[in-house]
Each structure stands twice: as C-alpha cells, then as structure tokens.
PDB file of all heavy atoms in Angstrom:
ATOM      1  N   THR A   1       0.809  -1.229   0.000  1.00  0.00           N
ATOM      2  CA  THR A   1       0.000   0.000   0.000  1.00  0.00           C
ATOM      3  C   THR A   1       0.832   1.265   0.000  1.00  0.00           C
ATOM      4  O   THR A   1       0.319   2.350  -0.274  1.00  0.00           O
ATOM      5  CB  THR A   1      -0.920   0.046   1.226  1.00  0.00           C
ATOM      6  OG1 THR A   1      -0.121   0.146   2.422  1.00  0.00           O
ATOM      7  CG2 THR A   1      -1.810  -1.195   1.304  1.00  0.00           C
ATOM      8  N   GLY A   2       2.110   1.161   0.360  1.00  0.00           N
ATOM      9  CA  GLY A   2       2.951   2.342   0.473  1.00  0.00           C
ATOM     10  C   GLY A   2       2.867   3.015   1.830  1.00  0.00           C
ATOM     11  O   GLY A   2       3.541   4.018   2.063  1.00  0.00           O
ATOM     12  N   HIS A   3       2.050   2.456   2.741  1.00  0.00           N
ATOM     13  CA  HIS A   3       1.889   3.056   4.063  1.00  0.00           C
ATOM     14  C   HIS A   3       2.761   2.343   5.084  1.00  0.00           C
ATOM     15  O   HIS A   3       2.827   1.117   5.120  1.00  0.00           O
ATOM     16  CB  HIS A   3       0.432   2.976   4.510  1.00  0.00           C
ATOM     17  CG  HIS A   3       0.146   3.792   5.732  1.00  0.00           C
ATOM     18  ND1 HIS A   3       0.086   3.245   7.000  1.00  0.00           N
ATOM     19  CD2 HIS A   3      -0.091   5.127   5.885  1.00  0.00           C
ATOM     20  CE1 HIS A   3      -0.176   4.204   7.877  1.00  0.00           C
ATOM     21  NE2 HIS A   3      -0.287   5.343   7.230  1.00  0.00           N
ATOM     22  N   GLN A   4       3.433   3.129   5.924  1.00  0.00           N
ATOM     23  CA  GLN A   4       4.186   2.585   7.052  1.00  0.00           C
ATOM     24  C   GLN A   4       3.259   2.594   8.264  1.00  0.00           C
ATOM     25  O   GLN A   4       3.035   3.631   8.879  1.00  0.00           O
ATOM     26  CB  GLN A   4       5.432   3.438   7.313  1.00  0.00           C
ATOM     27  CG  GLN A   4       6.475   3.374   6.217  1.00  0.00           C
ATOM     28  CD  GLN A   4       7.329   2.132   6.307  1.00  0.00           C
ATOM     29  OE1 GLN A   4       7.511   1.551   7.378  1.00  0.00           O
ATOM     30  NE2 GLN A   4       7.855   1.693   5.172  1.00  0.00           N
ATOM     31  N   SER A   5       2.707   1.438   8.595  1.00  0.00           N
ATOM     32  CA  SER A   5       1.758   1.339   9.709  1.00  0.00           C
ATOM     33  C   SER A   5       2.468   0.918  10.983  1.00  0.00           C
ATOM     34  O   SER A   5       3.424   0.127  10.950  1.00  0.00           O
ATOM     35  CB  SER A   5       0.661   0.311   9.396  1.00  0.00           C
ATOM     36  OG  SER A   5      -0.161   0.750   8.331  1.00  0.00           O
ATOM     37  N   THR A   6       1.982   1.439  12.101  1.00  0.00           N
ATOM     38  CA  THR A   6       2.484   0.947  13.379  1.00  0.00           C
ATOM     39  C   THR A   6       2.187  -0.546  13.487  1.00  0.00           C
ATOM     40  O   THR A   6       1.179  -1.031  12.956  1.00  0.00           O
ATOM     41  CB  THR A   6       1.812   1.687  14.547  1.00  0.00           C
ATOM     42  OG1 THR A   6       0.406   1.850  14.280  1.00  0.00           O
ATOM     43  CG2 THR A   6       2.444   3.042  14.768  1.00  0.00           C
ATOM     44  N   VAL A   7       3.049  -1.280  14.162  1.00  0.00           N
ATOM     45  CA  VAL A   7       2.875  -2.736  14.244  1.00  0.00           C
ATOM     46  C   VAL A   7       1.605  -3.106  15.001  1.00  0.00           C
ATOM     47  O   VAL A   7       1.075  -4.207  14.825  1.00  0.00           O
ATOM     48  CB  VAL A   7       4.097  -3.427  14.885  1.00  0.00           C
ATOM     49  CG1 VAL A   7       5.296  -3.333  13.963  1.00  0.00           C
ATOM     50  CG2 VAL A   7       4.409  -2.854  16.267  1.00  0.00           C
ATOM     51  N   THR A   8       1.122  -2.204  15.837  1.00  0.00           N
ATOM     52  CA  THR A   8      -0.183  -2.402  16.459  1.00  0.00           C
ATOM     53  C   THR A   8      -1.194  -1.511  15.757  1.00  0.00           C
ATOM     54  O   THR A   8      -1.036  -0.291  15.695  1.00  0.00           O
ATOM     55  CB  THR A   8      -0.154  -2.059  17.965  1.00  0.00           C
ATOM     56  OG1 THR A   8       0.576  -0.847  18.154  1.00  0.00           O
ATOM     57  CG2 THR A   8       0.476  -3.170  18.768  1.00  0.00           C
ATOM     58  N   LEU A   9      -2.228  -2.128  15.207  1.00  0.00           N
ATOM     59  CA  LEU A   9      -3.325  -1.424  14.553  1.00  0.00           C
ATOM     60  C   LEU A   9      -4.455  -1.286  15.556  1.00  0.00           C
ATOM     61  O   LEU A   9      -4.720  -2.210  16.327  1.00  0.00           O
ATOM     62  CB  LEU A   9      -3.808  -2.217  13.337  1.00  0.00           C
ATOM     63  CG  LEU A   9      -2.716  -2.817  12.433  1.00  0.00           C
ATOM     64  CD1 LEU A   9      -3.356  -3.621  11.307  1.00  0.00           C
ATOM     65  CD2 LEU A   9      -1.812  -1.725  11.885  1.00  0.00           C
ATOM     66  N   PHE A  10      -5.136  -0.150  15.565  1.00  0.00           N
ATOM     67  CA  PHE A  10      -6.224   0.036  16.516  1.00  0.00           C
ATOM     68  C   PHE A  10      -7.443  -0.758  16.068  1.00  0.00           C
ATOM     69  O   PHE A  10      -8.065  -0.432  15.054  1.00  0.00           O
ATOM     70  CB  PHE A  10      -6.581   1.505  16.660  1.00  0.00           C
ATOM     71  CG  PHE A  10      -7.771   1.752  17.565  1.00  0.00           C
ATOM     72  CD1 PHE A  10      -7.860   1.146  18.810  1.00  0.00           C
ATOM     73  CD2 PHE A  10      -8.811   2.579  17.169  1.00  0.00           C
ATOM     74  CE1 PHE A  10      -8.960   1.350  19.643  1.00  0.00           C
ATOM     75  CE2 PHE A  10      -9.915   2.805  17.987  1.00  0.00           C
ATOM     76  CZ  PHE A  10      -9.987   2.189  19.227  1.00  0.00           C
ATOM     77  N   GLY A  11      -7.782  -1.806  16.825  1.00  0.00           N
ATOM     78  CA  GLY A  11      -8.980  -2.586  16.569  1.00  0.00           C
ATOM     79  C   GLY A  11     -10.199  -1.838  17.097  1.00  0.00           C
ATOM     80  O   GLY A  11     -10.504  -1.872  18.292  1.00  0.00           O
ATOM     81  N   ALA A  12     -10.895  -1.127  16.203  1.00  0.00           N
ATOM     82  CA  ALA A  12     -11.940  -0.196  16.633  1.00  0.00           C
ATOM     83  C   ALA A  12     -13.252  -0.859  16.997  1.00  0.00           C
ATOM     84  O   ALA A  12     -14.230  -0.166  17.286  1.00  0.00           O
ATOM     85  CB  ALA A  12     -12.161   0.871  15.572  1.00  0.00           C
ATOM     86  N   ALA A  13     -13.283  -2.188  17.045  1.00  0.00           N
ATOM     87  CA  ALA A  13     -14.436  -2.857  17.664  1.00  0.00           C
ATOM     88  C   ALA A  13     -14.566  -2.417  19.119  1.00  0.00           C
ATOM     89  O   ALA A  13     -15.648  -2.492  19.703  1.00  0.00           O
ATOM     90  CB  ALA A  13     -14.280  -4.373  17.581  1.00  0.00           C
ATOM     91  N   ALA A  14     -13.478  -1.927  19.697  1.00  0.00           N
ATOM     92  CA  ALA A  14     -13.502  -1.432  21.078  1.00  0.00           C
ATOM     93  C   ALA A  14     -14.399  -0.212  21.240  1.00  0.00           C
ATOM     94  O   ALA A  14     -14.754   0.150  22.368  1.00  0.00           O
ATOM     95  CB  ALA A  14     -12.088  -1.094  21.534  1.00  0.00           C
ATOM     96  N   LEU A  15     -14.783   0.427  20.138  1.00  0.00           N
ATOM     97  CA  LEU A  15     -15.642   1.617  20.199  1.00  0.00           C
ATOM     98  C   LEU A  15     -17.120   1.274  20.001  1.00  0.00           C
ATOM     99  O   LEU A  15     -17.950   2.184  19.905  1.00  0.00           O
ATOM    100  CB  LEU A  15     -15.216   2.625  19.129  1.00  0.00           C
ATOM    101  CG  LEU A  15     -13.775   3.121  19.186  1.00  0.00           C
ATOM    102  CD1 LEU A  15     -13.504   4.076  18.018  1.00  0.00           C
ATOM    103  CD2 LEU A  15     -13.477   3.810  20.512  1.00  0.00           C
ATOM    104  N   ALA A  16     -17.448   0.015  19.939  1.00  0.00           N
ATOM    105  CA  ALA A  16     -18.805  -0.392  19.567  1.00  0.00           C
ATOM    106  C   ALA A  16     -19.876   0.151  20.495  1.00  0.00           C
ATOM    107  O   ALA A  16     -20.959   0.547  20.045  1.00  0.00           O
ATOM    108  CB  ALA A  16     -18.895  -1.922  19.516  1.00  0.00           C
ATOM    109  N   ARG A  17     -19.586   0.201  21.787  1.00  0.00           N
ATOM    110  CA  ARG A  17     -20.620   0.578  22.762  1.00  0.00           C
ATOM    111  C   ARG A  17     -20.069   1.561  23.785  1.00  0.00           C
ATOM    112  O   ARG A  17     -20.235   1.379  24.991  1.00  0.00           O
ATOM    113  CB  ARG A  17     -21.172  -0.670  23.460  1.00  0.00           C
ATOM    114  CG  ARG A  17     -21.978  -1.573  22.537  1.00  0.00           C
ATOM    115  CD  ARG A  17     -22.424  -2.846  23.219  1.00  0.00           C
ATOM    116  NE  ARG A  17     -21.276  -3.693  23.557  1.00  0.00           N
ATOM    117  CZ  ARG A  17     -20.698  -4.527  22.701  1.00  0.00           C
ATOM    118  NH1 ARG A  17     -21.152  -4.632  21.473  1.00  0.00           N
ATOM    119  NH2 ARG A  17     -19.667  -5.267  23.061  1.00  0.00           N
ATOM    120  N   VAL A  18     -19.404   2.608  23.311  1.00  0.00           N
ATOM    121  CA  VAL A  18     -18.863   3.611  24.223  1.00  0.00           C
ATOM    122  C   VAL A  18     -19.391   4.987  23.816  1.00  0.00           C
ATOM    123  O   VAL A  18     -19.881   5.186  22.706  1.00  0.00           O
ATOM    124  CB  VAL A  18     -17.319   3.625  24.226  1.00  0.00           C
ATOM    125  CG1 VAL A  18     -16.768   2.261  24.595  1.00  0.00           C
ATOM    126  CG2 VAL A  18     -16.769   4.073  22.873  1.00  0.00           C
ATOM    127  N   SER A  19     -19.291   5.942  24.729  1.00  0.00           N
ATOM    128  CA  SER A  19     -19.711   7.318  24.438  1.00  0.00           C
ATOM    129  C   SER A  19     -18.658   8.010  23.578  1.00  0.00           C
ATOM    130  O   SER A  19     -17.514   7.547  23.471  1.00  0.00           O
ATOM    131  CB  SER A  19     -19.893   8.088  25.745  1.00  0.00           C
ATOM    132  OG  SER A  19     -18.632   8.280  26.376  1.00  0.00           O
ATOM    133  N   GLN A  20     -19.026   9.150  23.004  1.00  0.00           N
ATOM    134  CA  GLN A  20     -18.051   9.910  22.216  1.00  0.00           C
ATOM    135  C   GLN A  20     -16.922  10.415  23.098  1.00  0.00           C
ATOM    136  O   GLN A  20     -15.768  10.469  22.669  1.00  0.00           O
ATOM    137  CB  GLN A  20     -18.733  11.079  21.503  1.00  0.00           C
ATOM    138  CG  GLN A  20     -17.836  11.773  20.478  1.00  0.00           C
ATOM    139  CD  GLN A  20     -17.441  10.844  19.338  1.00  0.00           C
ATOM    140  OE1 GLN A  20     -18.292  10.196  18.731  1.00  0.00           O
ATOM    141  NE2 GLN A  20     -16.142  10.760  19.044  1.00  0.00           N
ATOM    142  N   ASP A  21     -17.232  10.758  24.339  1.00  0.00           N
ATOM    143  CA  ASP A  21     -16.193  11.226  25.253  1.00  0.00           C
ATOM    144  C   ASP A  21     -15.171  10.122  25.515  1.00  0.00           C
ATOM    145  O   ASP A  21     -13.966  10.369  25.512  1.00  0.00           O
ATOM    146  CB  ASP A  21     -16.819  11.700  26.565  1.00  0.00           C
ATOM    147  CG  ASP A  21     -15.784  12.286  27.516  1.00  0.00           C
ATOM    148  OD1 ASP A  21     -15.092  13.242  27.125  1.00  0.00           O
ATOM    149  OD2 ASP A  21     -15.656  11.767  28.646  1.00  0.00           O
ATOM    150  N   GLU A  22     -15.656   8.890  25.735  1.00  0.00           N
ATOM    151  CA  GLU A  22     -14.739   7.768  25.935  1.00  0.00           C
ATOM    152  C   GLU A  22     -13.911   7.514  24.679  1.00  0.00           C
ATOM    153  O   GLU A  22     -12.707   7.223  24.754  1.00  0.00           O
ATOM    154  CB  GLU A  22     -15.525   6.518  26.314  1.00  0.00           C
ATOM    155  CG  GLU A  22     -16.151   6.573  27.699  1.00  0.00           C
ATOM    156  CD  GLU A  22     -17.078   5.395  27.946  1.00  0.00           C
ATOM    157  OE1 GLU A  22     -18.023   5.196  27.143  1.00  0.00           O
ATOM    158  OE2 GLU A  22     -16.867   4.666  28.930  1.00  0.00           O
ATOM    159  N   ALA A  23     -14.571   7.613  23.521  1.00  0.00           N
ATOM    160  CA  ALA A  23     -13.853   7.413  22.271  1.00  0.00           C
ATOM    161  C   ALA A  23     -12.782   8.474  22.080  1.00  0.00           C
ATOM    162  O   ALA A  23     -11.651   8.175  21.663  1.00  0.00           O
ATOM    163  CB  ALA A  23     -14.835   7.440  21.100  1.00  0.00           C
ATOM    164  N   ASP A  24     -13.097   9.710  22.396  1.00  0.00           N
ATOM    165  CA  ASP A  24     -12.127  10.793  22.226  1.00  0.00           C
ATOM    166  C   ASP A  24     -10.919  10.617  23.147  1.00  0.00           C
ATOM    167  O   ASP A  24      -9.787  10.960  22.771  1.00  0.00           O
ATOM    168  CB  ASP A  24     -12.794  12.139  22.482  1.00  0.00           C
ATOM    169  CG  ASP A  24     -13.807  12.509  21.394  1.00  0.00           C
ATOM    170  OD1 ASP A  24     -13.797  11.860  20.328  1.00  0.00           O
ATOM    171  OD2 ASP A  24     -14.617  13.420  21.630  1.00  0.00           O
ATOM    172  N   ARG A  25     -11.145  10.088  24.338  1.00  0.00           N
ATOM    173  CA  ARG A  25     -10.010   9.813  25.220  1.00  0.00           C
ATOM    174  C   ARG A  25      -9.151   8.679  24.664  1.00  0.00           C
ATOM    175  O   ARG A  25      -7.926   8.691  24.814  1.00  0.00           O
ATOM    176  CB  ARG A  25     -10.509   9.490  26.636  1.00  0.00           C
ATOM    177  CG  ARG A  25     -11.180  10.687  27.321  1.00  0.00           C
ATOM    178  CD  ARG A  25     -11.168  10.557  28.835  1.00  0.00           C
ATOM    179  NE  ARG A  25     -11.832   9.365  29.324  1.00  0.00           N
ATOM    180  CZ  ARG A  25     -13.129   9.291  29.606  1.00  0.00           C
ATOM    181  NH1 ARG A  25     -13.918  10.344  29.405  1.00  0.00           N
ATOM    182  NH2 ARG A  25     -13.646   8.179  30.081  1.00  0.00           N
ATOM    183  N   ALA A  26      -9.793   7.719  23.993  1.00  0.00           N
ATOM    184  CA  ALA A  26      -9.031   6.649  23.350  1.00  0.00           C
ATOM    185  C   ALA A  26      -8.168   7.211  22.221  1.00  0.00           C
ATOM    186  O   ALA A  26      -7.029   6.777  22.015  1.00  0.00           O
ATOM    187  CB  ALA A  26      -9.974   5.581  22.806  1.00  0.00           C
ATOM    188  N   LEU A  27      -8.708   8.180  21.477  1.00  0.00           N
ATOM    189  CA  LEU A  27      -7.929   8.822  20.420  1.00  0.00           C
ATOM    190  C   LEU A  27      -6.656   9.428  20.985  1.00  0.00           C
ATOM    191  O   LEU A  27      -5.583   9.326  20.383  1.00  0.00           O
ATOM    192  CB  LEU A  27      -8.763   9.899  19.726  1.00  0.00           C
ATOM    193  CG  LEU A  27      -8.002  10.806  18.758  1.00  0.00           C
ATOM    194  CD1 LEU A  27      -7.446  10.012  17.585  1.00  0.00           C
ATOM    195  CD2 LEU A  27      -8.902  11.938  18.259  1.00  0.00           C
ATOM    196  N   GLU A  28      -6.755  10.063  22.152  1.00  0.00           N
ATOM    197  CA  GLU A  28      -5.569  10.655  22.762  1.00  0.00           C
ATOM    198  C   GLU A  28      -4.528   9.592  23.085  1.00  0.00           C
ATOM    199  O   GLU A  28      -3.320   9.835  22.964  1.00  0.00           O
ATOM    200  CB  GLU A  28      -5.966  11.431  24.024  1.00  0.00           C
ATOM    201  CG  GLU A  28      -6.833  12.647  23.746  1.00  0.00           C
ATOM    202  CD  GLU A  28      -6.187  13.611  22.775  1.00  0.00           C
ATOM    203  OE1 GLU A  28      -4.980  13.898  22.940  1.00  0.00           O
ATOM    204  OE2 GLU A  28      -6.868  14.056  21.831  1.00  0.00           O
ATOM    205  N   VAL A  29      -4.982   8.409  23.483  1.00  0.00           N
ATOM    206  CA  VAL A  29      -4.044   7.315  23.747  1.00  0.00           C
ATOM    207  C   VAL A  29      -3.361   6.896  22.448  1.00  0.00           C
ATOM    208  O   VAL A  29      -2.145   6.675  22.409  1.00  0.00           O
ATOM    209  CB  VAL A  29      -4.771   6.124  24.402  1.00  0.00           C
ATOM    210  CG1 VAL A  29      -3.808   4.953  24.600  1.00  0.00           C
ATOM    211  CG2 VAL A  29      -5.375   6.531  25.741  1.00  0.00           C
ATOM    212  N   LEU A  30      -4.133   6.792  21.365  1.00  0.00           N
ATOM    213  CA  LEU A  30      -3.544   6.429  20.071  1.00  0.00           C
ATOM    214  C   LEU A  30      -2.499   7.450  19.654  1.00  0.00           C
ATOM    215  O   LEU A  30      -1.395   7.079  19.213  1.00  0.00           O
ATOM    216  CB  LEU A  30      -4.634   6.341  19.003  1.00  0.00           C
ATOM    217  CG  LEU A  30      -5.747   5.320  19.211  1.00  0.00           C
ATOM    218  CD1 LEU A  30      -6.723   5.365  18.042  1.00  0.00           C
ATOM    219  CD2 LEU A  30      -5.192   3.911  19.387  1.00  0.00           C
ATOM    220  N   LEU A  31      -2.810   8.719  19.790  1.00  0.00           N
ATOM    221  CA  LEU A  31      -1.868   9.765  19.395  1.00  0.00           C
ATOM    222  C   LEU A  31      -0.630   9.741  20.275  1.00  0.00           C
ATOM    223  O   LEU A  31       0.491   9.993  19.807  1.00  0.00           O
ATOM    224  CB  LEU A  31      -2.553  11.135  19.454  1.00  0.00           C
ATOM    225  CG  LEU A  31      -3.716  11.341  18.471  1.00  0.00           C
ATOM    226  CD1 LEU A  31      -4.368  12.697  18.709  1.00  0.00           C
ATOM    227  CD2 LEU A  31      -3.248  11.212  17.027  1.00  0.00           C
ATOM    228  N   ARG A  32      -0.830   9.446  21.540  1.00  0.00           N
ATOM    229  CA  ARG A  32       0.307   9.406  22.463  1.00  0.00           C
ATOM    230  C   ARG A  32       1.329   8.356  22.042  1.00  0.00           C
ATOM    231  O   ARG A  32       2.540   8.577  22.127  1.00  0.00           O
ATOM    232  CB  ARG A  32      -0.196   9.110  23.874  1.00  0.00           C
ATOM    233  CG  ARG A  32       0.920   9.000  24.910  1.00  0.00           C
ATOM    234  CD  ARG A  32       0.378   8.539  26.252  1.00  0.00           C
ATOM    235  NE  ARG A  32       1.439   8.445  27.234  1.00  0.00           N
ATOM    236  CZ  ARG A  32       1.577   7.458  28.103  1.00  0.00           C
ATOM    237  NH1 ARG A  32       0.715   6.474  28.117  1.00  0.00           N
ATOM    238  NH2 ARG A  32       2.559   7.459  28.968  1.00  0.00           N
ATOM    239  N   TYR A  33       0.821   7.226  21.555  1.00  0.00           N
ATOM    240  CA  TYR A  33       1.709   6.133  21.163  1.00  0.00           C
ATOM    241  C   TYR A  33       2.057   6.160  19.673  1.00  0.00           C
ATOM    242  O   TYR A  33       2.763   5.277  19.191  1.00  0.00           O
ATOM    243  CB  TYR A  33       1.084   4.788  21.524  1.00  0.00           C
ATOM    244  CG  TYR A  33       1.205   4.457  22.995  1.00  0.00           C
ATOM    245  CD1 TYR A  33       0.195   4.780  23.886  1.00  0.00           C
ATOM    246  CD2 TYR A  33       2.345   3.828  23.501  1.00  0.00           C
ATOM    247  CE1 TYR A  33       0.302   4.476  25.241  1.00  0.00           C
ATOM    248  CE2 TYR A  33       2.462   3.519  24.843  1.00  0.00           C
ATOM    249  CZ  TYR A  33       1.443   3.848  25.714  1.00  0.00           C
ATOM    250  OH  TYR A  33       1.552   3.551  27.051  1.00  0.00           O
ATOM    251  N   GLY A  34       1.538   7.137  18.956  1.00  0.00           N
ATOM    252  CA  GLY A  34       1.859   7.242  17.539  1.00  0.00           C
ATOM    253  C   GLY A  34       1.150   6.241  16.654  1.00  0.00           C
ATOM    254  O   GLY A  34       1.559   6.035  15.503  1.00  0.00           O
ATOM    255  N   VAL A  35       0.092   5.598  17.148  1.00  0.00           N
ATOM    256  CA  VAL A  35      -0.645   4.629  16.331  1.00  0.00           C
ATOM    257  C   VAL A  35      -1.270   5.362  15.145  1.00  0.00           C
ATOM    258  O   VAL A  35      -1.913   6.404  15.316  1.00  0.00           O
ATOM    259  CB  VAL A  35      -1.730   3.921  17.163  1.00  0.00           C
ATOM    260  CG1 VAL A  35      -2.597   3.023  16.291  1.00  0.00           C
ATOM    261  CG2 VAL A  35      -1.086   3.118  18.288  1.00  0.00           C
ATOM    262  N   ASN A  36      -1.080   4.822  13.951  1.00  0.00           N
ATOM    263  CA  ASN A  36      -1.512   5.532  12.747  1.00  0.00           C
ATOM    264  C   ASN A  36      -2.375   4.683  11.816  1.00  0.00           C
ATOM    265  O   ASN A  36      -2.439   4.950  10.617  1.00  0.00           O
ATOM    266  CB  ASN A  36      -0.293   6.059  11.989  1.00  0.00           C
ATOM    267  CG  ASN A  36       0.563   4.946  11.398  1.00  0.00           C
ATOM    268  OD1 ASN A  36       0.372   3.759  11.696  1.00  0.00           O
ATOM    269  ND2 ASN A  36       1.514   5.311  10.555  1.00  0.00           N
ATOM    270  N   HIS A  37      -3.039   3.681  12.359  1.00  0.00           N
ATOM    271  CA  HIS A  37      -3.838   2.765  11.530  1.00  0.00           C
ATOM    272  C   HIS A  37      -5.061   2.333  12.342  1.00  0.00           C
ATOM    273  O   HIS A  37      -4.925   1.817  13.454  1.00  0.00           O
ATOM    274  CB  HIS A  37      -2.973   1.553  11.160  1.00  0.00           C
ATOM    275  CG  HIS A  37      -3.575   0.616  10.169  1.00  0.00           C
ATOM    276  ND1 HIS A  37      -2.899   0.197   9.046  1.00  0.00           N
ATOM    277  CD2 HIS A  37      -4.772  -0.019  10.132  1.00  0.00           C
ATOM    278  CE1 HIS A  37      -3.659  -0.646   8.364  1.00  0.00           C
ATOM    279  NE2 HIS A  37      -4.797  -0.793   9.008  1.00  0.00           N
ATOM    280  N   ILE A  38      -6.255   2.548  11.787  1.00  0.00           N
ATOM    281  CA  ILE A  38      -7.521   2.210  12.444  1.00  0.00           C
ATOM    282  C   ILE A  38      -8.236   1.161  11.623  1.00  0.00           C
ATOM    283  O   ILE A  38      -8.393   1.302  10.403  1.00  0.00           O
ATOM    284  CB  ILE A  38      -8.421   3.456  12.587  1.00  0.00           C
ATOM    285  CG1 ILE A  38      -7.756   4.498  13.483  1.00  0.00           C
ATOM    286  CG2 ILE A  38      -9.792   3.076  13.135  1.00  0.00           C
ATOM    287  CD1 ILE A  38      -8.527   5.816  13.552  1.00  0.00           C
TER     288      ILE A  38
END
C-alpha cells in the first residue's frame, strides 16, 4: 500500500458501545503512542 503502519493497529471494535467522550479519550491514547492505523 505504500503506508508505514504501526505494528499495532487500533482494533476499533472497542468503540462499539462507548460514548463519544470515551472514544475521544481513546484517540488521545492512540496519538500518544503514535498509532496511525484504524
């Protein structure tokens, strides 16, 4: 694909039953660790 993905991809099934506030806090965790693939 030409994309350099982090070796851990965010499995977004974890967002299935959470609030937007909880999801937004998860985004901050992804950014903190440099995760770049959802």
